[in-house]
Amino acid sequence: MDDDKTPSCPYTEGLRNRIVRYQRCTVCGTAQTLARYACTGCGSASLAWHEATGRGTVVAVTVVARAPSDAFRALVPYTLVLVDLDEGPRLMAHAEPGVAIGTRVMAHFFVHEGQPLLRFSPATPD
């Protein structure tokens, strides 16, 4: 369980509140998902949290047919995607079946085994 001292708290707390959050470096502007102690672009520790719109474009898709653990066995088969968020960072998440590379998507949220997770579905036109 996260506490206020762990760097992942703003990200996971955002998911609990149905918000996708990401970090942006205040030095070079690089955007990154999850929580890191330093910028992946320049190494600076000067990072700020921002809220994303939840919209993005699918850049990779796979269907998981064999769960990595018992916790995910009930979800099999499920689709995982890499999405480039409109704000810049890329993240991995669940998706509706049939989502393809190049699809514009919108983030939705679900809880599995008490943990909030992302699930992308095709976006309605802007």
Protein backbone atom coordinates (compact mmCIF):
# COMPACT_ATOMS: atom_id res chain seq x y z
CA MET A 1 0.00 0.00 0.00
CA ASP A 2 1.28 3.44 -0.91
CA ASP A 3 1.86 6.12 1.67
CA ASP A 4 2.66 9.80 1.24
CA LYS A 5 6.41 9.08 1.21
CA THR A 6 6.40 6.76 -1.81
CA PRO A 7 6.79 8.34 -5.24
CA SER A 8 3.93 6.31 -6.75
CA CYS A 9 1.33 7.83 -4.43
CA PRO A 10 0.21 10.67 -6.78
CA TYR A 11 -0.18 8.23 -9.69
CA THR A 12 -2.12 5.53 -7.83
CA GLU A 13 -4.12 8.09 -5.87
CA GLY A 14 -5.05 9.62 -9.21
CA LEU A 15 -6.32 6.26 -10.45
CA ARG A 16 -8.42 5.89 -7.30
CA ASN A 17 -9.95 9.29 -8.17
CA ARG A 18 -10.38 8.40 -11.87
CA ILE A 19 -7.56 10.73 -12.95
CA VAL A 20 -4.52 9.85 -15.06
CA ARG A 21 -1.47 11.66 -13.71
CA TYR A 22 2.02 11.98 -15.13
CA GLN A 23 5.25 13.77 -14.28
CA ARG A 24 6.85 16.55 -16.33
CA CYS A 25 10.40 17.75 -15.84
CA THR A 26 10.53 21.45 -15.01
CA VAL A 27 14.02 21.67 -16.53
CA CYS A 28 13.73 20.03 -19.97
CA GLY A 29 9.97 19.41 -20.28
CA THR A 30 10.14 15.62 -20.67
CA ALA A 31 6.86 13.92 -19.72
CA GLN A 32 6.90 10.49 -18.05
CA THR A 33 4.36 8.16 -16.53
CA LEU A 34 4.34 6.43 -13.18
CA ALA A 35 6.64 7.85 -10.54
CA ARG A 36 10.34 8.37 -10.84
CA TYR A 37 12.88 10.21 -8.76
CA ALA A 38 14.61 11.73 -11.79
CA CYS A 39 13.77 12.84 -15.31
CA THR A 40 14.33 10.18 -17.98
CA GLY A 41 15.41 12.94 -20.38
CA CYS A 42 17.98 14.97 -18.47
CA GLY A 43 18.33 13.35 -15.03
CA SER A 44 16.98 16.34 -13.10
CA ALA A 45 15.11 15.68 -9.87
CA SER A 46 12.87 18.68 -10.57
CA LEU A 47 9.60 16.93 -11.47
CA ALA A 48 6.00 18.14 -11.20
CA TRP A 49 2.77 16.12 -11.33
CA HIS A 50 0.10 16.98 -13.91
CA GLU A 51 -3.33 15.62 -14.83
CA ALA A 52 -3.79 14.15 -18.30
CA THR A 53 -6.98 14.32 -20.35
CA GLY A 54 -6.93 10.53 -20.59
CA ARG A 55 -6.89 10.68 -24.40
CA GLY A 56 -4.20 9.12 -26.53
CA THR A 57 -3.27 6.89 -29.45
CA VAL A 58 -2.56 3.15 -29.33
CA VAL A 59 0.98 2.32 -30.48
CA ALA A 60 1.11 -1.40 -29.56
CA VAL A 61 -1.41 -4.14 -28.72
CA THR A 62 -1.14 -7.64 -27.32
CA VAL A 63 -3.66 -10.17 -26.04
CA VAL A 64 -2.68 -11.94 -22.84
CA ALA A 65 -3.85 -15.54 -22.97
CA ARG A 66 -1.88 -16.79 -19.97
CA ALA A 67 -2.08 -14.79 -16.76
CA PRO A 68 1.23 -13.79 -15.16
CA SER A 69 -0.21 -14.62 -11.75
CA ASP A 70 -3.29 -16.10 -10.12
CA ALA A 71 -4.56 -12.57 -9.46
CA PHE A 72 -5.11 -12.00 -13.20
CA ARG A 73 -6.33 -15.48 -14.17
CA ALA A 74 -9.99 -14.39 -13.99
CA LEU A 75 -9.37 -11.68 -16.61
CA VAL A 76 -7.81 -13.96 -19.27
CA PRO A 77 -7.89 -13.36 -22.15
CA TYR A 78 -7.33 -9.61 -21.85
CA THR A 79 -5.89 -6.92 -24.06
CA LEU A 80 -2.91 -4.77 -23.07
CA VAL A 81 -1.89 -1.67 -25.00
CA LEU A 82 0.83 0.93 -25.07
CA VAL A 83 -0.75 4.36 -25.44
CA ASP A 84 0.92 7.65 -26.24
CA LEU A 85 -1.05 10.14 -24.18
CA ASP A 86 -1.81 13.45 -25.88
CA GLU A 87 0.39 15.17 -23.28
CA GLY A 88 3.43 13.14 -24.38
CA PRO A 89 4.12 10.23 -22.05
CA ARG A 90 3.57 6.58 -23.00
CA LEU A 91 1.93 4.08 -20.68
CA MET A 92 0.76 0.48 -20.61
CA ALA A 93 -2.81 -0.36 -19.65
CA HIS A 94 -5.71 -2.69 -20.29
CA ALA A 95 -7.98 -2.07 -23.28
CA GLU A 96 -11.24 -3.24 -24.73
CA PRO A 97 -10.88 -6.25 -27.02
CA GLY A 98 -10.39 -5.35 -30.67
CA VAL A 99 -8.55 -2.06 -30.11
CA ALA A 100 -5.93 -1.67 -32.86
CA ILE A 101 -2.71 0.26 -33.40
CA GLY A 102 -3.55 3.83 -34.38
CA THR A 103 -6.90 3.87 -32.55
CA ARG A 104 -7.68 7.06 -30.64
CA VAL A 105 -8.63 6.01 -27.11
CA MET A 106 -9.95 7.39 -23.84
CA ALA A 107 -9.00 6.19 -20.36
CA HIS A 108 -11.55 4.50 -18.15
CA PHE A 109 -10.98 2.89 -14.79
CA PHE A 110 -11.79 -0.39 -13.05
CA VAL A 111 -10.87 -2.06 -9.78
CA HIS A 112 -9.35 -5.53 -9.73
CA GLU A 113 -8.43 -7.23 -6.47
CA GLY A 114 -8.78 -3.89 -4.70
CA GLN A 115 -6.36 -2.07 -7.05
CA PRO A 116 -7.46 0.69 -9.44
CA LEU A 117 -6.40 0.01 -13.03
CA LEU A 118 -6.72 1.77 -16.39
CA ARG A 119 -8.71 0.40 -19.31
CA PHE A 120 -8.72 2.25 -22.62
CA SER A 121 -11.63 2.19 -25.05
CA PRO A 122 -12.10 3.85 -28.43
CA ALA A 123 -12.61 7.60 -28.01
CA THR A 124 -15.52 9.48 -29.39
CA PRO A 125 -14.48 12.22 -31.82
CA ASP A 126 -13.17 15.37 -30.12
